[in-house]
């Protein structure tokens, strides 16, 4: 299985965001994870399409945009035009999940669905074949630096089974991403449970040597193969 590391800019130095993007990519990042919060759906306020557009010239890897906003649809085209590659949203934040997925694809981006720790996975049964990514939150969304919620591992196994069946049925790749509390000491267990894409914010940006940190994550992942 190919593993992808997606450093979250939520933990980066916002005073030098373009440099942070360039440095973390040089250190081995596969994606740049871009957290969008609106102080309505989640209790925090972060960044919008203009910031995404500003850092796009520095991002030589896919931009993985996670919308923690409500409503969703009004922002999809803005982030698509700003350079997003993947746009994920929460089913609770959309009045019509199927329509929002179609809108993301119509805008030229890959659609993803993000599930909170207490969100049932049953909604995937109706839309999984249309998705390019499923994002499982392993913390309650809103703030970085939280501890990984252990029951996410059971949820990962269940979603992995669904994704494997969908990939066999359609021949399409669907990524399984985890966001929240991912570190070198737990990333192998998360991978063994089924994840292939790992959002790491404070684990990467809290240190000064990004290559060393990402290298430690990859070294830990090697034991999961």
N, C-alpha and C. Protein backbone atom coordinates (compact mmCIF):
# COMPACT_ATOMS: atom_id res chain seq x y z
N UNK A 1 0.84 -1.20 0.00
CA UNK A 1 0.00 0.00 0.00
C UNK A 1 0.88 1.25 0.00
N UNK A 2 0.52 2.23 -0.80
CA UNK A 2 1.24 3.49 -0.81
C UNK A 2 0.70 4.39 0.29
N UNK A 3 1.59 4.90 1.13
CA UNK A 3 1.20 5.79 2.22
C UNK A 3 1.52 7.23 1.86
N UNK A 4 0.63 8.14 2.28
CA UNK A 4 0.80 9.56 1.99
C UNK A 4 0.78 10.36 3.29
N UNK A 5 1.71 11.28 3.43
CA UNK A 5 1.77 12.17 4.58
C UNK A 5 1.26 13.54 4.15
N UNK A 6 0.29 14.07 4.91
CA UNK A 6 -0.34 15.34 4.56
C UNK A 6 -0.23 16.32 5.74
N UNK A 7 0.87 17.08 5.83
CA UNK A 7 1.01 18.05 6.92
C UNK A 7 -0.11 19.09 6.89
N UNK A 8 -0.66 19.35 8.06
CA UNK A 8 -1.76 20.30 8.17
C UNK A 8 -1.23 21.69 8.47
N UNK A 9 -1.59 22.65 7.62
CA UNK A 9 -1.12 24.02 7.81
C UNK A 9 -1.73 24.69 9.02
N UNK A 10 -2.71 24.06 9.66
CA UNK A 10 -3.31 24.63 10.86
C UNK A 10 -2.25 24.85 11.94
N UNK A 11 -1.19 24.02 11.93
CA UNK A 11 -0.14 24.12 12.93
C UNK A 11 1.10 24.85 12.42
N UNK A 12 1.05 25.36 11.19
CA UNK A 12 2.21 26.04 10.61
C UNK A 12 2.31 27.47 11.13
N UNK A 13 3.42 28.12 10.81
CA UNK A 13 3.63 29.52 11.15
C UNK A 13 2.95 30.38 10.09
N UNK A 14 1.84 31.00 10.44
CA UNK A 14 1.05 31.75 9.46
C UNK A 14 1.76 33.01 9.00
N UNK A 15 2.77 33.46 9.73
CA UNK A 15 3.51 34.65 9.32
C UNK A 15 4.44 34.35 8.14
N UNK A 16 4.71 33.06 7.91
CA UNK A 16 5.60 32.67 6.79
C UNK A 16 5.04 31.43 6.11
N UNK A 17 3.76 31.51 5.76
CA UNK A 17 3.03 30.33 5.30
C UNK A 17 3.59 29.79 3.98
N UNK A 18 3.92 30.65 3.05
CA UNK A 18 4.46 30.18 1.78
C UNK A 18 5.76 29.41 1.98
N UNK A 19 6.64 29.93 2.82
CA UNK A 19 7.90 29.25 3.11
C UNK A 19 7.66 27.91 3.80
N UNK A 20 6.69 27.88 4.70
CA UNK A 20 6.37 26.65 5.41
C UNK A 20 5.91 25.57 4.41
N UNK A 21 5.08 25.96 3.47
CA UNK A 21 4.61 25.02 2.44
C UNK A 21 5.79 24.48 1.64
N UNK A 22 6.65 25.37 1.19
CA UNK A 22 7.80 24.96 0.39
C UNK A 22 8.74 24.04 1.19
N UNK A 23 8.95 24.37 2.46
CA UNK A 23 9.89 23.60 3.27
C UNK A 23 9.35 22.21 3.60
N UNK A 24 8.05 22.13 3.88
CA UNK A 24 7.51 20.83 4.27
C UNK A 24 7.39 19.91 3.05
N UNK A 25 7.20 20.47 1.88
CA UNK A 25 7.21 19.67 0.65
C UNK A 25 8.62 19.16 0.38
N UNK A 26 9.61 20.03 0.55
CA UNK A 26 11.00 19.61 0.37
C UNK A 26 11.38 18.51 1.37
N UNK A 27 10.71 18.50 2.52
CA UNK A 27 10.98 17.51 3.55
C UNK A 27 10.30 16.17 3.28
N UNK A 28 9.42 16.12 2.25
CA UNK A 28 8.82 14.85 1.88
C UNK A 28 7.32 14.75 1.97
N UNK A 29 6.62 15.87 2.15
CA UNK A 29 5.16 15.83 2.21
C UNK A 29 4.56 15.41 0.87
N UNK A 30 3.51 14.59 0.92
CA UNK A 30 2.82 14.15 -0.29
C UNK A 30 1.66 15.05 -0.65
N UNK A 31 0.97 15.57 0.36
CA UNK A 31 -0.14 16.50 0.20
C UNK A 31 0.11 17.69 1.13
N UNK A 32 -0.56 18.80 0.87
CA UNK A 32 -0.70 19.88 1.84
C UNK A 32 -2.16 19.89 2.28
N UNK A 33 -2.37 19.72 3.59
CA UNK A 33 -3.73 19.68 4.14
C UNK A 33 -4.11 21.09 4.60
N UNK A 34 -5.24 21.56 4.11
CA UNK A 34 -5.67 22.95 4.30
C UNK A 34 -7.00 22.95 5.04
N UNK A 35 -6.96 23.30 6.32
CA UNK A 35 -8.16 23.24 7.18
C UNK A 35 -8.94 24.55 7.13
N UNK A 36 -10.21 24.46 6.78
CA UNK A 36 -11.06 25.63 6.66
C UNK A 36 -12.17 25.54 7.72
N UNK A 37 -12.17 26.51 8.64
CA UNK A 37 -13.15 26.51 9.74
C UNK A 37 -13.87 27.84 9.77
N UNK A 38 -15.17 27.81 10.10
CA UNK A 38 -15.99 29.00 9.93
C UNK A 38 -16.56 29.58 11.23
N UNK A 39 -16.22 29.00 12.38
CA UNK A 39 -16.76 29.44 13.68
C UNK A 39 -18.27 29.24 13.79
N UNK A 40 -18.83 28.40 12.89
CA UNK A 40 -20.24 28.00 12.97
C UNK A 40 -20.34 26.49 13.09
N UNK A 41 -19.83 25.81 12.07
CA UNK A 41 -19.84 24.34 12.12
C UNK A 41 -18.87 23.82 13.17
N UNK A 42 -17.75 24.51 13.31
CA UNK A 42 -16.77 24.19 14.36
C UNK A 42 -16.41 25.48 15.10
N UNK A 43 -15.97 25.37 16.37
CA UNK A 43 -15.70 26.56 17.16
C UNK A 43 -14.31 27.15 16.92
N UNK A 44 -14.03 27.51 15.69
CA UNK A 44 -12.76 28.14 15.37
C UNK A 44 -12.91 28.82 14.01
N UNK A 45 -12.05 29.78 13.73
CA UNK A 45 -12.08 30.52 12.47
C UNK A 45 -10.67 30.52 11.89
N UNK A 46 -10.55 30.04 10.64
CA UNK A 46 -9.19 29.94 10.09
C UNK A 46 -9.05 30.75 8.82
N UNK A 47 -9.05 30.10 7.67
CA UNK A 47 -8.66 30.77 6.43
C UNK A 47 -9.64 30.46 5.30
N UNK A 48 -9.59 31.28 4.25
CA UNK A 48 -10.50 31.10 3.13
C UNK A 48 -9.78 30.93 1.81
N UNK A 49 -10.51 31.03 0.70
CA UNK A 49 -9.92 30.79 -0.62
C UNK A 49 -8.75 31.70 -0.97
N UNK A 50 -8.75 32.94 -0.48
CA UNK A 50 -7.66 33.85 -0.82
C UNK A 50 -6.31 33.35 -0.31
N UNK A 51 -6.31 32.77 0.88
CA UNK A 51 -5.07 32.22 1.43
C UNK A 51 -4.65 30.98 0.65
N UNK A 52 -5.62 30.16 0.29
CA UNK A 52 -5.34 28.98 -0.53
C UNK A 52 -4.72 29.41 -1.86
N UNK A 53 -5.27 30.43 -2.46
CA UNK A 53 -4.75 30.94 -3.74
C UNK A 53 -3.34 31.50 -3.57
N UNK A 54 -3.08 32.13 -2.44
CA UNK A 54 -1.77 32.75 -2.21
C UNK A 54 -0.67 31.71 -2.05
N UNK A 55 -0.99 30.56 -1.46
CA UNK A 55 0.06 29.55 -1.24
C UNK A 55 0.14 28.54 -2.38
N UNK A 56 -0.82 28.58 -3.29
CA UNK A 56 -0.82 27.61 -4.39
C UNK A 56 0.49 27.61 -5.18
N UNK A 57 1.10 28.77 -5.48
CA UNK A 57 2.36 28.75 -6.24
C UNK A 57 3.49 28.01 -5.51
N UNK A 58 3.39 27.88 -4.19
CA UNK A 58 4.41 27.17 -3.41
C UNK A 58 4.13 25.68 -3.32
N UNK A 59 2.91 25.29 -3.66
CA UNK A 59 2.47 23.91 -3.45
C UNK A 59 2.65 23.09 -4.73
N UNK A 60 3.71 22.31 -4.77
CA UNK A 60 3.99 21.45 -5.92
C UNK A 60 3.41 20.05 -5.73
N UNK A 61 2.63 19.88 -4.66
CA UNK A 61 1.92 18.62 -4.40
C UNK A 61 0.43 18.96 -4.30
N UNK A 62 -0.46 17.94 -4.34
CA UNK A 62 -1.90 18.23 -4.27
C UNK A 62 -2.30 19.00 -3.01
N UNK A 63 -3.25 19.91 -3.18
CA UNK A 63 -3.82 20.67 -2.07
C UNK A 63 -5.08 19.95 -1.61
N UNK A 64 -5.05 19.48 -0.38
CA UNK A 64 -6.10 18.68 0.24
C UNK A 64 -6.91 19.60 1.16
N UNK A 65 -8.03 20.13 0.64
CA UNK A 65 -8.82 21.12 1.37
C UNK A 65 -9.94 20.44 2.16
N UNK A 66 -9.98 20.69 3.46
CA UNK A 66 -10.97 20.10 4.35
C UNK A 66 -11.91 21.21 4.83
N UNK A 67 -13.14 21.20 4.32
CA UNK A 67 -14.12 22.23 4.66
C UNK A 67 -14.89 21.84 5.93
N UNK A 68 -14.63 22.56 7.00
CA UNK A 68 -15.42 22.42 8.24
C UNK A 68 -16.29 23.66 8.35
N UNK A 69 -17.24 23.75 7.42
CA UNK A 69 -18.06 24.95 7.26
C UNK A 69 -19.50 24.54 6.99
N UNK A 70 -20.41 25.48 7.24
CA UNK A 70 -21.82 25.25 6.95
C UNK A 70 -22.48 26.59 6.62
N UNK A 71 -23.07 26.73 5.42
CA UNK A 71 -23.22 25.73 4.35
C UNK A 71 -21.92 25.54 3.58
N UNK A 72 -21.89 24.45 2.81
CA UNK A 72 -20.68 24.04 2.10
C UNK A 72 -20.64 24.59 0.67
N UNK A 73 -21.72 24.45 -0.05
CA UNK A 73 -21.70 24.63 -1.50
C UNK A 73 -21.18 26.00 -1.93
N UNK A 74 -21.47 27.04 -1.17
CA UNK A 74 -21.06 28.39 -1.57
C UNK A 74 -19.55 28.56 -1.64
N UNK A 75 -18.80 27.72 -0.91
CA UNK A 75 -17.35 27.85 -0.89
C UNK A 75 -16.63 26.90 -1.85
N UNK A 76 -17.34 25.93 -2.38
CA UNK A 76 -16.69 24.92 -3.21
C UNK A 76 -16.02 25.55 -4.42
N UNK A 77 -16.75 26.37 -5.17
CA UNK A 77 -16.17 26.94 -6.40
C UNK A 77 -15.01 27.86 -6.07
N UNK A 78 -15.08 28.58 -4.95
CA UNK A 78 -14.00 29.47 -4.57
C UNK A 78 -12.70 28.72 -4.31
N UNK A 79 -12.79 27.59 -3.62
CA UNK A 79 -11.58 26.81 -3.36
C UNK A 79 -11.11 26.06 -4.60
N UNK A 80 -12.03 25.67 -5.45
CA UNK A 80 -11.63 25.03 -6.70
C UNK A 80 -10.82 26.02 -7.55
N UNK A 81 -11.30 27.25 -7.65
CA UNK A 81 -10.60 28.27 -8.42
C UNK A 81 -9.28 28.67 -7.77
N UNK A 82 -9.19 28.50 -6.45
CA UNK A 82 -7.98 28.87 -5.72
C UNK A 82 -6.89 27.81 -5.83
N UNK A 83 -7.22 26.64 -6.39
CA UNK A 83 -6.19 25.64 -6.61
C UNK A 83 -6.33 24.35 -5.85
N UNK A 84 -7.47 24.12 -5.21
CA UNK A 84 -7.67 22.86 -4.48
C UNK A 84 -7.64 21.67 -5.44
N UNK A 85 -7.07 20.57 -4.97
CA UNK A 85 -7.08 19.32 -5.73
C UNK A 85 -8.21 18.42 -5.21
N UNK A 86 -8.28 18.30 -3.89
CA UNK A 86 -9.31 17.51 -3.21
C UNK A 86 -10.09 18.46 -2.31
N UNK A 87 -11.41 18.31 -2.29
CA UNK A 87 -12.24 19.08 -1.37
C UNK A 87 -13.12 18.11 -0.59
N UNK A 88 -12.93 18.09 0.72
CA UNK A 88 -13.73 17.22 1.59
C UNK A 88 -14.68 18.07 2.43
N UNK A 89 -15.83 17.50 2.73
CA UNK A 89 -16.83 18.20 3.54
C UNK A 89 -17.51 17.21 4.46
N UNK A 90 -18.27 17.73 5.42
CA UNK A 90 -18.98 16.88 6.39
C UNK A 90 -20.44 16.71 5.98
N UNK A 91 -20.97 15.49 6.05
CA UNK A 91 -22.35 15.28 5.61
C UNK A 91 -23.36 16.10 6.41
N UNK A 92 -23.07 16.35 7.69
CA UNK A 92 -24.00 17.14 8.51
C UNK A 92 -24.08 18.59 8.04
N UNK A 93 -23.06 19.04 7.31
CA UNK A 93 -22.99 20.44 6.90
C UNK A 93 -23.62 20.69 5.54
N UNK A 94 -24.07 19.64 4.87
CA UNK A 94 -24.67 19.78 3.54
C UNK A 94 -26.13 19.34 3.58
N UNK A 95 -26.99 20.10 2.97
CA UNK A 95 -28.39 19.70 2.90
C UNK A 95 -28.59 18.55 1.93
N UNK A 96 -27.73 18.46 0.92
CA UNK A 96 -27.84 17.41 -0.09
C UNK A 96 -26.43 16.88 -0.38
N UNK A 97 -26.03 15.82 0.30
CA UNK A 97 -24.67 15.31 0.19
C UNK A 97 -24.34 14.93 -1.25
N UNK A 98 -25.25 14.24 -1.91
CA UNK A 98 -25.03 13.81 -3.29
C UNK A 98 -24.80 15.00 -4.21
N UNK A 99 -25.56 16.05 -4.00
CA UNK A 99 -25.44 17.24 -4.84
C UNK A 99 -24.09 17.94 -4.61
N UNK A 100 -23.65 18.00 -3.34
CA UNK A 100 -22.38 18.64 -3.04
C UNK A 100 -21.22 17.86 -3.65
N UNK A 101 -21.29 16.55 -3.60
CA UNK A 101 -20.25 15.71 -4.23
C UNK A 101 -20.18 16.02 -5.73
N UNK A 102 -21.34 16.08 -6.36
CA UNK A 102 -21.39 16.37 -7.80
C UNK A 102 -20.84 17.76 -8.11
N UNK A 103 -21.13 18.72 -7.24
CA UNK A 103 -20.65 20.08 -7.43
C UNK A 103 -19.12 20.13 -7.37
N UNK A 104 -18.54 19.44 -6.41
CA UNK A 104 -17.08 19.41 -6.28
C UNK A 104 -16.45 18.84 -7.55
N UNK A 105 -17.01 17.76 -8.05
CA UNK A 105 -16.46 17.15 -9.27
C UNK A 105 -16.68 18.04 -10.48
N UNK A 106 -17.83 18.69 -10.56
CA UNK A 106 -18.09 19.59 -11.67
C UNK A 106 -17.12 20.78 -11.68
N UNK A 107 -16.62 21.14 -10.50
CA UNK A 107 -15.66 22.24 -10.40
C UNK A 107 -14.23 21.79 -10.69
N UNK A 108 -14.06 20.51 -11.02
CA UNK A 108 -12.75 20.01 -11.41
C UNK A 108 -11.91 19.46 -10.28
N UNK A 109 -12.52 19.23 -9.12
CA UNK A 109 -11.79 18.71 -7.96
C UNK A 109 -12.27 17.30 -7.61
N UNK A 110 -11.48 16.64 -6.78
CA UNK A 110 -11.84 15.31 -6.30
C UNK A 110 -12.64 15.46 -5.01
N UNK A 111 -13.82 14.82 -4.92
CA UNK A 111 -14.65 14.96 -3.72
C UNK A 111 -14.27 13.98 -2.62
N UNK A 112 -14.32 14.48 -1.39
CA UNK A 112 -14.11 13.64 -0.22
C UNK A 112 -15.19 13.89 0.81
N UNK A 113 -15.47 12.88 1.63
CA UNK A 113 -16.45 13.02 2.70
C UNK A 113 -15.74 12.82 4.03
N UNK A 114 -15.95 13.76 4.95
CA UNK A 114 -15.29 13.73 6.26
C UNK A 114 -16.28 13.34 7.34
N UNK A 115 -15.89 12.37 8.16
CA UNK A 115 -16.77 11.87 9.22
C UNK A 115 -16.17 12.19 10.58
N UNK A 116 -16.96 12.85 11.43
CA UNK A 116 -16.55 13.14 12.80
C UNK A 116 -16.50 11.86 13.63
N UNK A 117 -15.87 11.91 14.82
CA UNK A 117 -15.76 10.69 15.63
C UNK A 117 -17.09 10.01 15.92
N UNK A 118 -18.17 10.77 16.07
CA UNK A 118 -19.47 10.18 16.39
C UNK A 118 -20.39 10.07 15.19
N UNK A 119 -19.91 10.40 13.99
CA UNK A 119 -20.73 10.28 12.78
C UNK A 119 -20.79 8.83 12.31
N UNK A 120 -21.98 8.25 12.15
CA UNK A 120 -22.07 6.88 11.65
C UNK A 120 -21.51 6.77 10.23
N UNK A 121 -21.03 5.60 9.89
CA UNK A 121 -20.45 5.40 8.56
C UNK A 121 -21.48 4.95 7.54
N UNK A 122 -22.73 4.78 7.95
CA UNK A 122 -23.76 4.28 7.04
C UNK A 122 -23.97 5.18 5.82
N UNK A 123 -23.72 6.49 5.98
CA UNK A 123 -23.93 7.40 4.84
C UNK A 123 -23.03 7.03 3.67
N UNK A 124 -21.91 6.37 3.95
CA UNK A 124 -21.00 5.98 2.87
C UNK A 124 -21.63 4.97 1.93
N UNK A 125 -22.57 4.18 2.44
CA UNK A 125 -23.19 3.15 1.62
C UNK A 125 -23.89 3.73 0.39
N UNK A 126 -24.26 5.01 0.46
CA UNK A 126 -25.03 5.62 -0.63
C UNK A 126 -24.17 6.48 -1.55
N UNK A 127 -22.95 6.81 -1.15
CA UNK A 127 -22.16 7.75 -1.96
C UNK A 127 -20.72 7.30 -2.20
N UNK A 128 -20.31 6.19 -1.62
CA UNK A 128 -18.90 5.81 -1.66
C UNK A 128 -18.36 5.69 -3.08
N UNK A 129 -19.15 5.16 -3.98
CA UNK A 129 -18.69 4.98 -5.36
C UNK A 129 -18.40 6.31 -6.06
N UNK A 130 -18.90 7.41 -5.50
CA UNK A 130 -18.70 8.73 -6.11
C UNK A 130 -17.51 9.48 -5.50
N UNK A 131 -16.91 8.93 -4.44
CA UNK A 131 -15.88 9.65 -3.70
C UNK A 131 -14.48 9.26 -4.16
N UNK A 132 -13.54 10.17 -3.96
CA UNK A 132 -12.12 9.89 -4.17
C UNK A 132 -11.38 9.77 -2.83
N UNK A 133 -12.03 10.19 -1.75
CA UNK A 133 -11.39 10.16 -0.44
C UNK A 133 -12.44 10.10 0.66
N UNK A 134 -12.15 9.32 1.69
CA UNK A 134 -12.93 9.34 2.93
C UNK A 134 -11.98 9.78 4.03
N UNK A 135 -12.38 10.80 4.76
CA UNK A 135 -11.58 11.35 5.85
C UNK A 135 -12.26 11.02 7.18
N UNK A 136 -11.56 10.27 8.03
CA UNK A 136 -12.06 10.00 9.37
C UNK A 136 -11.37 10.93 10.35
N UNK A 137 -12.17 11.72 11.06
CA UNK A 137 -11.62 12.57 12.11
C UNK A 137 -11.36 11.71 13.34
N UNK A 138 -10.13 11.76 13.83
CA UNK A 138 -9.77 11.02 15.03
C UNK A 138 -9.66 11.93 16.24
N UNK A 139 -10.14 13.17 16.07
CA UNK A 139 -10.39 14.12 17.16
C UNK A 139 -11.66 14.86 16.78
N UNK A 140 -12.23 15.58 17.73
CA UNK A 140 -13.37 16.43 17.38
C UNK A 140 -12.83 17.68 16.69
N UNK A 141 -13.36 18.01 15.51
CA UNK A 141 -12.76 19.07 14.71
C UNK A 141 -12.87 20.44 15.36
N UNK A 142 -11.88 21.28 15.05
CA UNK A 142 -11.91 22.65 15.54
C UNK A 142 -10.55 23.15 15.97
N UNK A 143 -9.72 22.29 16.54
CA UNK A 143 -8.44 22.73 17.07
C UNK A 143 -7.37 21.67 16.85
N UNK A 144 -6.13 22.11 16.63
CA UNK A 144 -5.01 21.21 16.50
C UNK A 144 -4.48 20.78 17.85
N UNK A 145 -3.62 19.78 17.84
CA UNK A 145 -2.94 19.36 19.05
C UNK A 145 -3.73 18.46 19.97
N UNK A 146 -4.87 17.92 19.52
CA UNK A 146 -5.67 17.05 20.37
C UNK A 146 -5.16 15.61 20.30
N UNK A 147 -5.54 14.81 21.30
CA UNK A 147 -5.12 13.42 21.38
C UNK A 147 -6.00 12.54 20.50
N UNK A 148 -5.40 11.54 19.90
CA UNK A 148 -6.09 10.57 19.04
C UNK A 148 -7.16 9.81 19.84
N UNK A 149 -8.36 9.69 19.27
CA UNK A 149 -9.46 8.97 19.91
C UNK A 149 -9.35 7.49 19.53
N UNK A 150 -9.12 6.59 20.49
CA UNK A 150 -8.80 5.18 20.17
C UNK A 150 -9.85 4.45 19.35
N UNK A 151 -11.15 4.73 19.54
CA UNK A 151 -12.16 3.94 18.82
C UNK A 151 -12.13 4.22 17.31
N UNK A 152 -11.32 5.21 16.90
CA UNK A 152 -11.16 5.47 15.46
C UNK A 152 -10.59 4.25 14.75
N UNK A 153 -9.79 3.45 15.45
CA UNK A 153 -9.20 2.27 14.83
C UNK A 153 -10.27 1.27 14.39
N UNK A 154 -11.28 1.05 15.23
CA UNK A 154 -12.38 0.16 14.85
C UNK A 154 -13.14 0.73 13.66
N UNK A 155 -13.36 2.01 13.68
CA UNK A 155 -14.08 2.67 12.59
C UNK A 155 -13.29 2.57 11.28
N UNK A 156 -11.97 2.73 11.38
CA UNK A 156 -11.11 2.59 10.21
C UNK A 156 -11.26 1.22 9.57
N UNK A 157 -11.25 0.18 10.39
CA UNK A 157 -11.36 -1.19 9.86
C UNK A 157 -12.67 -1.37 9.10
N UNK A 158 -13.74 -0.82 9.64
CA UNK A 158 -15.05 -0.95 8.98
C UNK A 158 -15.07 -0.19 7.65
N UNK A 159 -14.51 1.02 7.64
CA UNK A 159 -14.50 1.81 6.41
C UNK A 159 -13.56 1.19 5.38
N UNK A 160 -12.43 0.63 5.84
CA UNK A 160 -11.50 -0.04 4.93
C UNK A 160 -12.20 -1.18 4.18
N UNK A 161 -13.02 -1.93 4.89
CA UNK A 161 -13.75 -3.03 4.25
C UNK A 161 -14.67 -2.50 3.16
N UNK A 162 -15.36 -1.39 3.44
CA UNK A 162 -16.26 -0.80 2.46
C UNK A 162 -15.49 -0.27 1.25
N UNK A 163 -14.36 0.38 1.52
CA UNK A 163 -13.56 0.94 0.43
C UNK A 163 -12.99 -0.16 -0.45
N UNK A 164 -12.48 -1.22 0.16
CA UNK A 164 -11.93 -2.33 -0.62
C UNK A 164 -12.99 -2.92 -1.55
N UNK A 165 -14.21 -3.06 -1.03
CA UNK A 165 -15.30 -3.59 -1.85
C UNK A 165 -15.65 -2.64 -2.99
N UNK A 166 -15.65 -1.33 -2.69
CA UNK A 166 -15.97 -0.33 -3.72
C UNK A 166 -14.90 -0.30 -4.80
N UNK A 167 -13.64 -0.41 -4.39
CA UNK A 167 -12.55 -0.38 -5.37
C UNK A 167 -12.59 -1.61 -6.26
N UNK A 168 -12.94 -2.74 -5.68
CA UNK A 168 -13.05 -3.95 -6.47
C UNK A 168 -14.22 -3.86 -7.45
N UNK A 169 -15.27 -3.19 -7.01
CA UNK A 169 -16.48 -3.07 -7.82
C UNK A 169 -16.31 -2.07 -8.96
N UNK A 170 -15.58 -0.98 -8.70
CA UNK A 170 -15.51 0.12 -9.67
C UNK A 170 -14.15 0.26 -10.34
N UNK A 171 -13.11 -0.29 -9.72
CA UNK A 171 -11.77 -0.12 -10.25
C UNK A 171 -11.16 1.24 -9.97
N UNK A 172 -11.83 2.06 -9.15
CA UNK A 172 -11.36 3.40 -8.82
C UNK A 172 -10.63 3.39 -7.48
N UNK A 173 -9.61 4.24 -7.39
CA UNK A 173 -8.91 4.39 -6.11
C UNK A 173 -9.67 5.34 -5.20
N UNK A 174 -9.84 4.95 -3.94
CA UNK A 174 -10.46 5.80 -2.93
C UNK A 174 -9.51 5.83 -1.74
N UNK A 175 -9.03 7.02 -1.40
CA UNK A 175 -8.10 7.15 -0.29
C UNK A 175 -8.84 7.14 1.04
N UNK A 176 -8.18 6.60 2.05
CA UNK A 176 -8.73 6.59 3.41
C UNK A 176 -7.78 7.39 4.30
N UNK A 177 -8.22 8.57 4.65
CA UNK A 177 -7.39 9.54 5.38
C UNK A 177 -7.82 9.64 6.83
N UNK A 178 -6.85 9.88 7.71
CA UNK A 178 -7.10 10.07 9.14
C UNK A 178 -6.52 11.41 9.56
N UNK A 179 -7.27 12.14 10.38
CA UNK A 179 -6.85 13.48 10.80
C UNK A 179 -7.09 13.64 12.29
N UNK A 180 -6.00 13.86 13.05
CA UNK A 180 -6.13 14.16 14.47
C UNK A 180 -5.27 13.29 15.36
N UNK A 181 -4.26 13.88 15.96
CA UNK A 181 -3.43 13.15 16.92
C UNK A 181 -2.52 12.11 16.31
N UNK A 182 -2.23 12.22 15.03
CA UNK A 182 -1.35 11.26 14.36
C UNK A 182 0.10 11.59 14.68
N UNK A 183 0.82 10.60 15.20
CA UNK A 183 2.22 10.79 15.57
C UNK A 183 3.02 9.54 15.20
N UNK A 184 4.33 9.65 15.36
CA UNK A 184 5.20 8.52 15.01
C UNK A 184 4.91 7.29 15.88
N UNK A 185 4.42 7.51 17.11
CA UNK A 185 4.21 6.36 17.99
C UNK A 185 2.86 5.68 17.80
N UNK A 186 1.98 6.25 16.96
CA UNK A 186 0.69 5.57 16.71
C UNK A 186 0.37 5.39 15.24
N UNK A 187 1.19 5.94 14.35
CA UNK A 187 0.86 5.91 12.93
C UNK A 187 0.85 4.49 12.36
N UNK A 188 1.70 3.61 12.89
CA UNK A 188 1.72 2.23 12.39
C UNK A 188 0.41 1.52 12.71
N UNK A 189 -0.09 1.71 13.93
CA UNK A 189 -1.37 1.09 14.31
C UNK A 189 -2.51 1.64 13.47
N UNK A 190 -2.45 2.92 13.15
CA UNK A 190 -3.49 3.54 12.31
C UNK A 190 -3.43 2.97 10.90
N UNK A 191 -2.23 2.77 10.39
CA UNK A 191 -2.07 2.17 9.06
C UNK A 191 -2.55 0.73 9.05
N UNK A 192 -2.23 -0.03 10.08
CA UNK A 192 -2.67 -1.43 10.13
C UNK A 192 -4.19 -1.54 10.19
N UNK A 193 -4.84 -0.51 10.72
CA UNK A 193 -6.30 -0.51 10.77
C UNK A 193 -6.92 -0.16 9.42
N UNK A 194 -6.09 0.35 8.48
CA UNK A 194 -6.62 0.57 7.14
C UNK A 194 -6.35 1.90 6.50
N UNK A 195 -5.80 2.86 7.23
CA UNK A 195 -5.55 4.19 6.65
C UNK A 195 -4.39 4.15 5.68
N UNK A 196 -4.45 4.99 4.65
CA UNK A 196 -3.33 5.12 3.72
C UNK A 196 -2.84 6.56 3.59
N UNK A 197 -3.59 7.51 4.16
CA UNK A 197 -3.24 8.92 4.10
C UNK A 197 -3.35 9.51 5.50
N UNK A 198 -2.33 10.27 5.91
CA UNK A 198 -2.22 10.67 7.32
C UNK A 198 -2.00 12.18 7.43
N UNK A 199 -2.96 12.86 8.05
CA UNK A 199 -2.81 14.28 8.32
C UNK A 199 -2.03 14.42 9.63
N UNK A 200 -0.96 15.20 9.59
CA UNK A 200 -0.16 15.44 10.78
C UNK A 200 0.14 16.93 10.87
N UNK A 201 -0.38 17.57 11.89
CA UNK A 201 -0.18 19.01 12.05
C UNK A 201 0.91 19.32 13.05
N UNK A 202 0.55 19.28 14.33
CA UNK A 202 1.52 19.60 15.38
C UNK A 202 2.69 18.62 15.38
N UNK A 203 2.44 17.36 14.98
CA UNK A 203 3.52 16.37 14.95
C UNK A 203 4.63 16.79 14.00
N UNK A 204 4.28 17.50 12.93
CA UNK A 204 5.27 17.95 11.96
C UNK A 204 5.79 19.34 12.29
N UNK A 205 4.87 20.28 12.48
CA UNK A 205 5.27 21.68 12.57
C UNK A 205 5.76 22.11 13.95
N UNK A 206 5.61 21.27 14.96
CA UNK A 206 6.09 21.65 16.29
C UNK A 206 7.61 21.57 16.41
N UNK A 207 8.24 20.85 15.50
CA UNK A 207 9.71 20.76 15.50
C UNK A 207 10.31 21.61 14.40
N UNK A 208 11.62 21.75 14.41
CA UNK A 208 12.30 22.59 13.42
C UNK A 208 12.82 21.79 12.23
N UNK A 209 12.94 20.47 12.40
CA UNK A 209 13.48 19.62 11.34
C UNK A 209 12.35 18.80 10.73
N UNK A 210 11.71 19.36 9.70
CA UNK A 210 10.54 18.70 9.11
C UNK A 210 10.92 17.38 8.44
N UNK A 211 12.09 17.35 7.81
CA UNK A 211 12.52 16.12 7.14
C UNK A 211 12.72 14.99 8.15
N UNK A 212 13.27 15.32 9.29
CA UNK A 212 13.49 14.32 10.34
C UNK A 212 12.15 13.77 10.84
N UNK A 213 11.18 14.67 11.06
CA UNK A 213 9.87 14.26 11.57
C UNK A 213 9.13 13.40 10.55
N UNK A 214 9.09 13.85 9.30
CA UNK A 214 8.41 13.07 8.27
C UNK A 214 9.12 11.74 8.05
N UNK A 215 10.43 11.77 8.14
CA UNK A 215 11.20 10.52 8.05
C UNK A 215 10.85 9.55 9.16
N UNK A 216 10.65 10.07 10.37
CA UNK A 216 10.26 9.22 11.50
C UNK A 216 8.88 8.61 11.27
N UNK A 217 7.97 9.38 10.70
CA UNK A 217 6.63 8.87 10.39
C UNK A 217 6.73 7.76 9.34
N UNK A 218 7.54 7.96 8.32
CA UNK A 218 7.68 6.93 7.28
C UNK A 218 8.38 5.68 7.83
N UNK A 219 9.33 5.87 8.70
CA UNK A 219 10.01 4.73 9.31
C UNK A 219 9.02 3.89 10.11
N UNK A 220 8.14 4.57 10.86
CA UNK A 220 7.12 3.86 11.63
C UNK A 220 6.14 3.14 10.70
N UNK A 221 5.82 3.79 9.57
CA UNK A 221 4.89 3.18 8.62
C UNK A 221 5.48 1.91 7.99
N UNK A 222 6.80 1.86 7.87
CA UNK A 222 7.44 0.70 7.27
C UNK A 222 7.13 -0.58 8.06
N UNK A 223 6.92 -0.43 9.35
CA UNK A 223 6.61 -1.61 10.18
C UNK A 223 5.17 -2.06 10.02
N UNK A 224 4.34 -1.22 9.38
CA UNK A 224 2.93 -1.59 9.18
C UNK A 224 2.72 -2.38 7.90
N UNK A 225 3.72 -2.38 7.01
CA UNK A 225 3.57 -3.04 5.73
C UNK A 225 3.65 -4.56 5.86
